[in-house]
Amino acid sequence: MARVAIQDNISDWRRQVRAELDCLARMEIRAGILGSTGGELLRIAYVQEFGATITPKTARNLAIPLKPSMRGKSPRAVSNTWVLDTGENRFIVRSRGQELDFLFLLVPKVTIPERSFIRAGYDSGKDRLVKACELAARAIVFEGIRADTAAHRIGAAAVGIIKGYMRSGALLPKSSITLASAPGKTSPLIQSGRLINAVAYEVIS
Protein backbone atom coordinates (compact mmCIF):
# COMPACT_ATOMS: atom_id res chain seq x y z
CA MET A 1 0.00 0.00 0.00
CA ALA A 2 1.42 3.34 -1.05
CA ARG A 3 2.14 5.92 1.61
CA VAL A 4 1.14 9.53 1.04
CA ALA A 5 3.35 12.20 2.60
CA ILE A 6 1.32 15.09 4.01
CA GLN A 7 3.15 18.37 4.50
CA ASP A 8 2.10 20.18 7.67
CA ASN A 9 1.93 23.78 6.47
CA ILE A 10 -0.47 24.77 9.27
CA SER A 11 2.17 24.25 11.95
CA ASP A 12 4.70 26.36 10.02
CA TRP A 13 2.10 29.10 9.56
CA ARG A 14 1.20 29.08 13.24
CA ARG A 15 4.85 29.32 14.26
CA GLN A 16 5.43 32.23 11.87
CA VAL A 17 2.32 34.09 13.05
CA ARG A 18 3.22 33.56 16.70
CA ALA A 19 6.77 34.80 16.08
CA GLU A 20 5.53 37.98 14.36
CA LEU A 21 2.92 38.67 17.04
CA ASP A 22 5.54 38.20 19.75
CA CYS A 23 7.87 40.53 17.86
CA LEU A 24 5.12 43.18 17.60
CA ALA A 25 4.41 42.88 21.33
CA ARG A 26 8.08 43.67 22.10
CA MET A 27 8.14 46.78 19.92
CA GLU A 28 7.72 50.31 21.29
CA ILE A 29 5.87 52.86 19.17
CA ARG A 30 6.34 56.52 20.08
CA ALA A 31 4.13 59.21 18.59
CA GLY A 32 4.16 62.97 19.06
CA ILE A 33 6.98 65.51 18.76
CA LEU A 34 10.06 63.30 18.75
CA GLY A 35 13.45 64.10 20.23
CA SER A 36 14.99 64.26 16.77
CA THR A 37 12.69 67.16 15.82
CA GLY A 38 14.94 69.90 17.19
CA GLY A 39 15.17 72.08 20.27
CA GLU A 40 12.88 74.97 19.30
CA LEU A 41 9.89 72.85 18.30
CA LEU A 42 10.38 70.59 21.31
CA ARG A 43 10.19 73.63 23.60
CA ILE A 44 7.09 74.92 21.82
CA ALA A 45 5.44 71.50 22.07
CA TYR A 46 6.29 71.23 25.78
CA VAL A 47 4.87 74.67 26.56
CA GLN A 48 1.65 73.93 24.68
CA GLU A 49 1.27 70.44 26.13
CA PHE A 50 1.80 71.42 29.77
CA GLY A 51 1.46 75.23 29.87
CA ALA A 52 4.11 77.62 31.18
CA THR A 53 4.76 81.02 32.72
CA ILE A 54 7.31 83.05 30.76
CA THR A 55 9.27 85.88 32.38
CA PRO A 56 11.93 88.15 30.83
CA LYS A 57 15.56 87.14 31.33
CA THR A 58 17.16 90.57 31.32
CA ALA A 59 14.51 93.20 30.57
CA ARG A 60 11.90 94.51 32.97
CA ASN A 61 8.97 93.43 30.80
CA LEU A 62 8.05 91.19 27.94
CA ALA A 63 6.96 93.02 24.78
CA ILE A 64 3.93 91.34 23.25
CA PRO A 65 3.35 92.37 19.60
CA LEU A 66 -0.10 93.79 18.95
CA LYS A 67 -0.01 93.70 15.16
CA PRO A 68 1.38 91.29 12.56
CA SER A 69 4.13 93.64 11.37
CA MET A 70 5.71 93.63 14.85
CA ARG A 71 6.00 89.85 15.17
CA GLY A 72 9.64 88.83 15.64
CA LYS A 73 10.81 92.41 16.13
CA SER A 74 12.43 93.99 19.14
CA PRO A 75 10.84 97.26 20.30
CA ARG A 76 14.33 98.79 20.21
CA ALA A 77 14.41 98.17 16.44
CA VAL A 78 11.30 100.29 15.88
CA SER A 79 11.90 104.04 15.61
CA ASN A 80 9.89 106.98 16.94
CA THR A 81 8.20 105.03 19.71
CA TRP A 82 7.39 105.89 23.30
CA VAL A 83 5.79 104.23 26.33
CA LEU A 84 2.16 104.96 27.13
CA ASP A 85 1.13 104.12 30.69
CA THR A 86 -2.66 104.01 31.13
CA GLY A 87 -2.47 103.11 34.81
CA GLU A 88 -3.67 99.59 34.06
CA ASN A 89 -1.44 98.70 31.10
CA ARG A 90 1.76 99.92 29.51
CA PHE A 91 2.14 100.06 25.74
CA ILE A 92 4.83 100.92 23.24
CA VAL A 93 3.19 103.25 20.75
CA ARG A 94 4.04 105.74 18.05
CA SER A 95 2.13 108.69 16.71
CA ARG A 96 0.39 108.36 13.37
CA GLY A 97 -1.09 111.73 12.59
CA GLN A 98 -3.75 112.42 15.18
CA GLU A 99 -3.92 108.75 16.22
CA LEU A 100 -1.75 106.39 18.23
CA ASP A 101 -0.35 103.22 16.72
CA PHE A 102 -0.27 100.54 19.43
CA LEU A 103 2.70 98.26 18.68
CA PHE A 104 3.50 96.28 21.84
CA LEU A 105 1.94 95.48 25.20
CA LEU A 106 4.46 95.46 28.06
CA VAL A 107 3.85 92.81 30.73
CA PRO A 108 6.05 91.40 33.51
CA LYS A 109 5.14 87.84 32.59
CA VAL A 110 2.95 85.76 30.30
CA THR A 111 1.08 82.64 31.36
CA ILE A 112 0.43 80.25 28.51
CA PRO A 113 -2.42 77.87 29.35
CA GLU A 114 -2.12 74.14 28.84
CA ARG A 115 -3.28 73.06 25.39
CA SER A 116 -2.54 69.37 25.52
CA PHE A 117 -2.65 67.85 22.06
CA ILE A 118 -0.68 64.63 22.58
CA ARG A 119 -2.23 63.36 25.82
CA ALA A 120 -5.66 64.80 25.02
CA GLY A 121 -5.43 63.50 21.47
CA TYR A 122 -4.73 60.02 22.79
CA ASP A 123 -7.58 60.24 25.29
CA SER A 124 -10.05 61.32 22.62
CA GLY A 125 -8.89 58.74 20.10
CA LYS A 126 -7.83 55.77 22.19
CA ASP A 127 -10.70 53.62 20.92
CA ARG A 128 -9.57 54.24 17.34
CA LEU A 129 -6.00 53.46 18.33
CA VAL A 130 -7.08 50.19 19.92
CA LYS A 131 -8.91 49.37 16.70
CA ALA A 132 -5.77 50.18 14.68
CA CYS A 133 -3.79 47.78 16.87
CA GLU A 134 -6.40 45.07 16.36
CA LEU A 135 -6.38 45.56 12.60
CA ALA A 136 -2.58 45.44 12.52
CA ALA A 137 -2.54 42.19 14.50
CA ARG A 138 -5.22 40.69 12.24
CA ALA A 139 -3.17 41.66 9.20
CA ILE A 140 -0.27 39.61 10.57
CA VAL A 141 -2.57 36.61 10.92
CA PHE A 142 -4.61 36.88 7.73
CA GLU A 143 -2.48 38.93 5.35
CA GLY A 144 0.92 37.62 6.35
CA ILE A 145 2.49 41.04 6.97
CA ARG A 146 5.58 41.36 9.15
CA ALA A 147 5.63 42.83 12.64
CA ASP A 148 7.49 45.96 11.54
CA THR A 149 4.86 46.67 8.88
CA ALA A 150 2.12 46.27 11.48
CA ALA A 151 3.97 48.62 13.84
CA HIS A 152 4.25 51.29 11.16
CA ARG A 153 0.52 51.04 10.52
CA ILE A 154 -0.15 51.62 14.22
CA GLY A 155 2.28 54.55 14.33
CA ALA A 156 0.67 56.18 11.30
CA ALA A 157 -2.75 55.79 12.94
CA ALA A 158 -1.47 57.44 16.14
CA VAL A 159 -0.11 60.40 14.18
CA GLY A 160 -3.43 60.76 12.36
CA ILE A 161 -5.31 60.78 15.67
CA ILE A 162 -3.09 63.52 17.15
CA LYS A 163 -3.25 65.71 14.04
CA GLY A 164 -7.00 65.21 13.83
CA TYR A 165 -7.37 66.39 17.42
CA MET A 166 -5.22 69.45 16.73
CA ARG A 167 -7.54 70.40 13.85
CA SER A 168 -10.75 69.54 15.70
CA GLY A 169 -11.30 72.85 17.47
CA ALA A 170 -11.34 71.15 20.87
CA LEU A 171 -8.32 73.10 22.14
CA LEU A 172 -8.53 76.20 24.32
CA PRO A 173 -8.96 79.17 21.92
CA LYS A 174 -6.28 81.78 21.34
CA SER A 175 -6.29 84.94 23.43
CA SER A 176 -7.37 88.25 21.92
CA ILE A 177 -3.77 89.49 22.04
CA THR A 178 -2.50 86.48 20.10
CA LEU A 179 -5.25 86.96 17.53
CA ALA A 180 -4.31 90.64 17.17
CA SER A 181 -0.74 89.76 16.28
CA ALA A 182 -1.77 86.95 13.93
CA PRO A 183 -5.23 87.61 12.45
CA GLY A 184 -6.76 84.98 10.23
CA LYS A 185 -5.20 82.08 12.14
CA THR A 186 -7.81 81.26 14.75
CA SER A 187 -6.94 77.60 15.43
CA PRO A 188 -4.47 77.13 18.31
CA LEU A 189 -1.20 75.31 17.47
CA ILE A 190 -1.70 75.84 13.73
CA GLN A 191 -0.09 79.19 13.00
CA SER A 192 2.58 78.27 10.47
CA GLY A 193 1.95 74.53 10.29
CA ARG A 194 5.39 73.70 11.65
CA LEU A 195 4.16 72.06 14.84
CA ILE A 196 1.42 69.93 13.31
CA ASN A 197 3.72 68.90 10.47
CA ALA A 198 6.33 67.83 13.05
CA VAL A 199 4.02 65.24 14.64
CA ALA A 200 5.55 61.89 13.76
CA TYR A 201 6.17 58.39 15.07
CA GLU A 202 9.07 56.02 15.48
CA VAL A 203 9.24 52.28 16.01
CA ILE A 204 11.78 50.90 18.46
CA SER A 205 12.39 47.18 18.19
C-alpha atoms as a PDB file:
ATOM      1  CA  MET A   1       0.000   0.000   0.000  1.00  0.00           C
ATOM      2  CA  ALA A   2       1.421   3.341  -1.050  1.00  0.00           C
ATOM      3  CA  ARG A   3       2.144   5.921   1.606  1.00  0.00           C
ATOM      4  CA  VAL A   4       1.138   9.534   1.043  1.00  0.00           C
ATOM      5  CA  ALA A   5       3.345  12.204   2.599  1.00  0.00           C
ATOM      6  CA  ILE A   6       1.320  15.091   4.011  1.00  0.00           C
ATOM      7  CA  GLN A   7       3.153  18.367   4.499  1.00  0.00           C
ATOM      8  CA  ASP A   8       2.101  20.177   7.674  1.00  0.00           C
ATOM      9  CA  ASN A   9       1.925  23.783   6.472  1.00  0.00           C
ATOM     10  CA  ILE A  10      -0.465  24.766   9.270  1.00  0.00           C
ATOM     11  CA  SER A  11       2.173  24.254  11.953  1.00  0.00           C
ATOM     12  CA  ASP A  12       4.696  26.364  10.021  1.00  0.00           C
ATOM     13  CA  TRP A  13       2.100  29.103   9.561  1.00  0.00           C
ATOM     14  CA  ARG A  14       1.202  29.077  13.245  1.00  0.00           C
ATOM     15  CA  ARG A  15       4.854  29.324  14.261  1.00  0.00           C
ATOM     16  CA  GLN A  16       5.426  32.226  11.866  1.00  0.00           C
ATOM     17  CA  VAL A  17       2.322  34.091  13.046  1.00  0.00           C
ATOM     18  CA  ARG A  18       3.225  33.560  16.700  1.00  0.00           C
ATOM     19  CA  ALA A  19       6.766  34.796  16.078  1.00  0.00           C
ATOM     20  CA  GLU A  20       5.533  37.980  14.358  1.00  0.00           C
ATOM     21  CA  LEU A  21       2.919  38.673  17.038  1.00  0.00           C
ATOM     22  CA  ASP A  22       5.543  38.202  19.749  1.00  0.00           C
ATOM     23  CA  CYS A  23       7.869  40.534  17.860  1.00  0.00           C
ATOM     24  CA  LEU A  24       5.125  43.181  17.600  1.00  0.00           C
ATOM     25  CA  ALA A  25       4.414  42.877  21.327  1.00  0.00           C
ATOM     26  CA  ARG A  26       8.079  43.675  22.097  1.00  0.00           C
ATOM     27  CA  MET A  27       8.139  46.785  19.917  1.00  0.00           C
ATOM     28  CA  GLU A  28       7.724  50.306  21.285  1.00  0.00           C
ATOM     29  CA  ILE A  29       5.873  52.856  19.171  1.00  0.00           C
ATOM     30  CA  ARG A  30       6.341  56.518  20.075  1.00  0.00           C
ATOM     31  CA  ALA A  31       4.135  59.211  18.586  1.00  0.00           C
ATOM     32  CA  GLY A  32       4.163  62.973  19.064  1.00  0.00           C
ATOM     33  CA  ILE A  33       6.978  65.513  18.764  1.00  0.00           C
ATOM     34  CA  LEU A  34      10.058  63.299  18.752  1.00  0.00           C
ATOM     35  CA  GLY A  35      13.452  64.102  20.235  1.00  0.00           C
ATOM     36  CA  SER A  36      14.988  64.263  16.766  1.00  0.00           C
ATOM     37  CA  THR A  37      12.693  67.162  15.820  1.00  0.00           C
ATOM     38  CA  GLY A  38      14.937  69.898  17.194  1.00  0.00           C
ATOM     39  CA  GLY A  39      15.166  72.076  20.268  1.00  0.00           C
ATOM     40  CA  GLU A  40      12.880  74.968  19.298  1.00  0.00           C
ATOM     41  CA  LEU A  41       9.889  72.851  18.303  1.00  0.00           C
ATOM     42  CA  LEU A  42      10.376  70.585  21.314  1.00  0.00           C
ATOM     43  CA  ARG A  43      10.194  73.629  23.596  1.00  0.00           C
ATOM     44  CA  ILE A  44       7.090  74.918  21.825  1.00  0.00           C
ATOM     45  CA  ALA A  45       5.443  71.505  22.072  1.00  0.00           C
ATOM     46  CA  TYR A  46       6.289  71.226  25.776  1.00  0.00           C
ATOM     47  CA  VAL A  47       4.869  74.667  26.558  1.00  0.00           C
ATOM     48  CA  GLN A  48       1.653  73.926  24.675  1.00  0.00           C
ATOM     49  CA  GLU A  49       1.271  70.439  26.131  1.00  0.00           C
ATOM     50  CA  PHE A  50       1.799  71.423  29.773  1.00  0.00           C
ATOM     51  CA  GLY A  51       1.463  75.228  29.871  1.00  0.00           C
ATOM     52  CA  ALA A  52       4.114  77.619  31.183  1.00  0.00           C
ATOM     53  CA  THR A  53       4.765  81.024  32.716  1.00  0.00           C
ATOM     54  CA  ILE A  54       7.312  83.047  30.756  1.00  0.00           C
ATOM     55  CA  THR A  55       9.270  85.876  32.381  1.00  0.00           C
ATOM     56  CA  PRO A  56      11.925  88.147  30.832  1.00  0.00           C
ATOM     57  CA  LYS A  57      15.561  87.135  31.332  1.00  0.00           C
ATOM     58  CA  THR A  58      17.155  90.574  31.321  1.00  0.00           C
ATOM     59  CA  ALA A  59      14.508  93.196  30.565  1.00  0.00           C
ATOM     60  CA  ARG A  60      11.899  94.506  32.971  1.00  0.00           C
ATOM     61  CA  ASN A  61       8.974  93.430  30.804  1.00  0.00           C
ATOM     62  CA  LEU A  62       8.049  91.188  27.938  1.00  0.00           C
ATOM     63  CA  ALA A  63       6.960  93.023  24.783  1.00  0.00           C
ATOM     64  CA  ILE A  64       3.926  91.341  23.245  1.00  0.00           C
ATOM     65  CA  PRO A  65       3.348  92.369  19.603  1.00  0.00           C
ATOM     66  CA  LEU A  66      -0.104  93.785  18.951  1.00  0.00           C
ATOM     67  CA  LYS A  67      -0.015  93.699  15.160  1.00  0.00           C
ATOM     68  CA  PRO A  68       1.383  91.287  12.562  1.00  0.00           C
ATOM     69  CA  SER A  69       4.135  93.642  11.373  1.00  0.00           C
ATOM     70  CA  MET A  70       5.707  93.632  14.846  1.00  0.00           C
ATOM     71  CA  ARG A  71       6.001  89.853  15.169  1.00  0.00           C
ATOM     72  CA  GLY A  72       9.636  88.828  15.644  1.00  0.00           C
ATOM     73  CA  LYS A  73      10.805  92.405  16.129  1.00  0.00           C
ATOM     74  CA  SER A  74      12.433  93.994  19.138  1.00  0.00           C
ATOM     75  CA  PRO A  75      10.841  97.261  20.304  1.00  0.00           C
ATOM     76  CA  ARG A  76      14.331  98.792  20.205  1.00  0.00           C
ATOM     77  CA  ALA A  77      14.412  98.174  16.443  1.00  0.00           C
ATOM     78  CA  VAL A  78      11.297 100.294  15.881  1.00  0.00           C
ATOM     79  CA  SER A  79      11.897 104.039  15.610  1.00  0.00           C
ATOM     80  CA  ASN A  80       9.886 106.978  16.943  1.00  0.00           C
ATOM     81  CA  THR A  81       8.196 105.034  19.712  1.00  0.00           C
ATOM     82  CA  TRP A  82       7.389 105.893  23.304  1.00  0.00           C
ATOM     83  CA  VAL A  83       5.787 104.232  26.327  1.00  0.00           C
ATOM     84  CA  LEU A  84       2.161 104.961  27.127  1.00  0.00           C
ATOM     85  CA  ASP A  85       1.127 104.117  30.693  1.00  0.00           C
ATOM     86  CA  THR A  86      -2.659 104.009  31.126  1.00  0.00           C
ATOM     87  CA  GLY A  87      -2.475 103.111  34.812  1.00  0.00           C
ATOM     88  CA  GLU A  88      -3.667  99.592  34.060  1.00  0.00           C
ATOM     89  CA  ASN A  89      -1.444  98.705  31.100  1.00  0.00           C
ATOM     90  CA  ARG A  90       1.761  99.919  29.515  1.00  0.00           C
ATOM     91  CA  PHE A  91       2.137 100.055  25.739  1.00  0.00           C
ATOM     92  CA  ILE A  92       4.833 100.922  23.244  1.00  0.00           C
ATOM     93  CA  VAL A  93       3.192 103.250  20.749  1.00  0.00           C
ATOM     94  CA  ARG A  94       4.038 105.740  18.051  1.00  0.00           C
ATOM     95  CA  SER A  95       2.131 108.689  16.708  1.00  0.00           C
ATOM     96  CA  ARG A  96       0.390 108.361  13.366  1.00  0.00           C
ATOM     97  CA  GLY A  97      -1.088 111.731  12.594  1.00  0.00           C
ATOM     98  CA  GLN A  98      -3.752 112.420  15.182  1.00  0.00           C
ATOM     99  CA  GLU A  99      -3.918 108.746  16.223  1.00  0.00           C
ATOM    100  CA  LEU A 100      -1.752 106.391  18.231  1.00  0.00           C
ATOM    101  CA  ASP A 101      -0.352 103.222  16.717  1.00  0.00           C
ATOM    102  CA  PHE A 102      -0.274 100.537  19.428  1.00  0.00           C
ATOM    103  CA  LEU A 103       2.702  98.264  18.678  1.00  0.00           C
ATOM    104  CA  PHE A 104       3.495  96.282  21.842  1.00  0.00           C
ATOM    105  CA  LEU A 105       1.942  95.482  25.196  1.00  0.00           C
ATOM    106  CA  LEU A 106       4.458  95.461  28.059  1.00  0.00           C
ATOM    107  CA  VAL A 107       3.849  92.813  30.734  1.00  0.00           C
ATOM    108  CA  PRO A 108       6.049  91.401  33.515  1.00  0.00           C
ATOM    109  CA  LYS A 109       5.135  87.837  32.590  1.00  0.00           C
ATOM    110  CA  VAL A 110       2.948  85.762  30.304  1.00  0.00           C
ATOM    111  CA  THR A 111       1.084  82.644  31.361  1.00  0.00           C
ATOM    112  CA  ILE A 112       0.428  80.254  28.513  1.00  0.00           C
ATOM    113  CA  PRO A 113      -2.422  77.875  29.349  1.00  0.00           C
ATOM    114  CA  GLU A 114      -2.122  74.135  28.842  1.00  0.00           C
ATOM    115  CA  ARG A 115      -3.280  73.062  25.393  1.00  0.00           C
ATOM    116  CA  SER A 116      -2.536  69.368  25.515  1.00  0.00           C
ATOM    117  CA  PHE A 117      -2.650  67.852  22.061  1.00  0.00           C
ATOM    118  CA  ILE A 118      -0.682  64.626  22.576  1.00  0.00           C
ATOM    119  CA  ARG A 119      -2.228  63.356  25.821  1.00  0.00           C
ATOM    120  CA  ALA A 120      -5.657  64.799  25.023  1.00  0.00           C
ATOM    121  CA  GLY A 121      -5.427  63.504  21.465  1.00  0.00           C
ATOM    122  CA  TYR A 122      -4.729  60.024  22.791  1.00  0.00           C
ATOM    123  CA  ASP A 123      -7.583  60.242  25.291  1.00  0.00           C
ATOM    124  CA  SER A 124     -10.050  61.318  22.624  1.00  0.00           C
ATOM    125  CA  GLY A 125      -8.893  58.744  20.095  1.00  0.00           C
ATOM    126  CA  LYS A 126      -7.832  55.768  22.191  1.00  0.00           C
ATOM    127  CA  ASP A 127     -10.704  53.620  20.924  1.00  0.00           C
ATOM    128  CA  ARG A 128      -9.571  54.243  17.343  1.00  0.00           C
ATOM    129  CA  LEU A 129      -5.998  53.461  18.327  1.00  0.00           C
ATOM    130  CA  VAL A 130      -7.076  50.186  19.925  1.00  0.00           C
ATOM    131  CA  LYS A 131      -8.913  49.374  16.699  1.00  0.00           C
ATOM    132  CA  ALA A 132      -5.773  50.180  14.677  1.00  0.00           C
ATOM    133  CA  CYS A 133      -3.787  47.781  16.868  1.00  0.00           C
ATOM    134  CA  GLU A 134      -6.402  45.066  16.365  1.00  0.00           C
ATOM    135  CA  LEU A 135      -6.377  45.556  12.595  1.00  0.00           C
ATOM    136  CA  ALA A 136      -2.578  45.436  12.517  1.00  0.00           C
ATOM    137  CA  ALA A 137      -2.539  42.188  14.495  1.00  0.00           C
ATOM    138  CA  ARG A 138      -5.225  40.690  12.236  1.00  0.00           C
ATOM    139  CA  ALA A 139      -3.165  41.658   9.198  1.00  0.00           C
ATOM    140  CA  ILE A 140      -0.272  39.611  10.571  1.00  0.00           C
ATOM    141  CA  VAL A 141      -2.571  36.611  10.921  1.00  0.00           C
ATOM    142  CA  PHE A 142      -4.613  36.875   7.731  1.00  0.00           C
ATOM    143  CA  GLU A 143      -2.478  38.933   5.346  1.00  0.00           C
ATOM    144  CA  GLY A 144       0.924  37.620   6.351  1.00  0.00           C
ATOM    145  CA  ILE A 145       2.488  41.040   6.973  1.00  0.00           C
ATOM    146  CA  ARG A 146       5.581  41.356   9.147  1.00  0.00           C
ATOM    147  CA  ALA A 147       5.630  42.828  12.635  1.00  0.00           C
ATOM    148  CA  ASP A 148       7.492  45.957  11.539  1.00  0.00           C
ATOM    149  CA  THR A 149       4.861  46.673   8.882  1.00  0.00           C
ATOM    150  CA  ALA A 150       2.120  46.267  11.480  1.00  0.00           C
ATOM    151  CA  ALA A 151       3.966  48.617  13.843  1.00  0.00           C
ATOM    152  CA  HIS A 152       4.253  51.292  11.160  1.00  0.00           C
ATOM    153  CA  ARG A 153       0.518  51.036  10.516  1.00  0.00           C
ATOM    154  CA  ILE A 154      -0.154  51.619  14.217  1.00  0.00           C
ATOM    155  CA  GLY A 155       2.280  54.547  14.331  1.00  0.00           C
ATOM    156  CA  ALA A 156       0.666  56.183  11.296  1.00  0.00           C
ATOM    157  CA  ALA A 157      -2.754  55.787  12.935  1.00  0.00           C
ATOM    158  CA  ALA A 158      -1.473  57.437  16.138  1.00  0.00           C
ATOM    159  CA  VAL A 159      -0.112  60.402  14.175  1.00  0.00           C
ATOM    160  CA  GLY A 160      -3.429  60.761  12.361  1.00  0.00           C
ATOM    161  CA  ILE A 161      -5.309  60.781  15.665  1.00  0.00           C
ATOM    162  CA  ILE A 162      -3.087  63.515  17.153  1.00  0.00           C
ATOM    163  CA  LYS A 163      -3.254  65.706  14.036  1.00  0.00           C
ATOM    164  CA  GLY A 164      -6.996  65.212  13.833  1.00  0.00           C
ATOM    165  CA  TYR A 165      -7.374  66.393  17.418  1.00  0.00           C
ATOM    166  CA  MET A 166      -5.223  69.448  16.733  1.00  0.00           C
ATOM    167  CA  ARG A 167      -7.540  70.399  13.852  1.00  0.00           C
ATOM    168  CA  SER A 168     -10.750  69.538  15.700  1.00  0.00           C
ATOM    169  CA  GLY A 169     -11.298  72.854  17.475  1.00  0.00           C
ATOM    170  CA  ALA A 170     -11.341  71.152  20.872  1.00  0.00           C
ATOM    171  CA  LEU A 171      -8.323  73.100  22.144  1.00  0.00           C
ATOM    172  CA  LEU A 172      -8.531  76.205  24.319  1.00  0.00           C
ATOM    173  CA  PRO A 173      -8.956  79.165  21.923  1.00  0.00           C
ATOM    174  CA  LYS A 174      -6.280  81.777  21.341  1.00  0.00           C
ATOM    175  CA  SER A 175      -6.291  84.937  23.429  1.00  0.00           C
ATOM    176  CA  SER A 176      -7.368  88.251  21.916  1.00  0.00           C
ATOM    177  CA  ILE A 177      -3.766  89.493  22.043  1.00  0.00           C
ATOM    178  CA  THR A 178      -2.505  86.485  20.105  1.00  0.00           C
ATOM    179  CA  LEU A 179      -5.249  86.960  17.535  1.00  0.00           C
ATOM    180  CA  ALA A 180      -4.314  90.638  17.169  1.00  0.00           C
ATOM    181  CA  SER A 181      -0.736  89.762  16.280  1.00  0.00           C
ATOM    182  CA  ALA A 182      -1.771  86.946  13.926  1.00  0.00           C
ATOM    183  CA  PRO A 183      -5.228  87.606  12.454  1.00  0.00           C
ATOM    184  CA  GLY A 184      -6.763  84.979  10.234  1.00  0.00           C
ATOM    185  CA  LYS A 185      -5.204  82.081  12.143  1.00  0.00           C
ATOM    186  CA  THR A 186      -7.808  81.262  14.748  1.00  0.00           C
ATOM    187  CA  SER A 187      -6.937  77.600  15.426  1.00  0.00           C
ATOM    188  CA  PRO A 188      -4.473  77.128  18.309  1.00  0.00           C
ATOM    189  CA  LEU A 189      -1.203  75.309  17.466  1.00  0.00           C
ATOM    190  CA  ILE A 190      -1.697  75.835  13.729  1.00  0.00           C
ATOM    191  CA  GLN A 191      -0.092  79.194  13.000  1.00  0.00           C
ATOM    192  CA  SER A 192       2.582  78.274  10.468  1.00  0.00           C
ATOM    193  CA  GLY A 193       1.951  74.530  10.294  1.00  0.00           C
ATOM    194  CA  ARG A 194       5.393  73.697  11.655  1.00  0.00           C
ATOM    195  CA  LEU A 195       4.160  72.056  14.842  1.00  0.00           C
ATOM    196  CA  ILE A 196       1.419  69.928  13.313  1.00  0.00           C
ATOM    197  CA  ASN A 197       3.722  68.896  10.474  1.00  0.00           C
ATOM    198  CA  ALA A 198       6.331  67.829  13.045  1.00  0.00           C
ATOM    199  CA  VAL A 199       4.017  65.240  14.640  1.00  0.00           C
ATOM    200  CA  ALA A 200       5.550  61.895  13.757  1.00  0.00           C
ATOM    201  CA  TYR A 201       6.172  58.386  15.065  1.00  0.00           C
ATOM    202  CA  GLU A 202       9.070  56.022  15.484  1.00  0.00           C
ATOM    203  CA  VAL A 203       9.236  52.282  16.009  1.00  0.00           C
ATOM    204  CA  ILE A 204      11.780  50.903  18.458  1.00  0.00           C
ATOM    205  CA  SER A 205      12.386  47.176  18.189  1.00  0.00           C
END
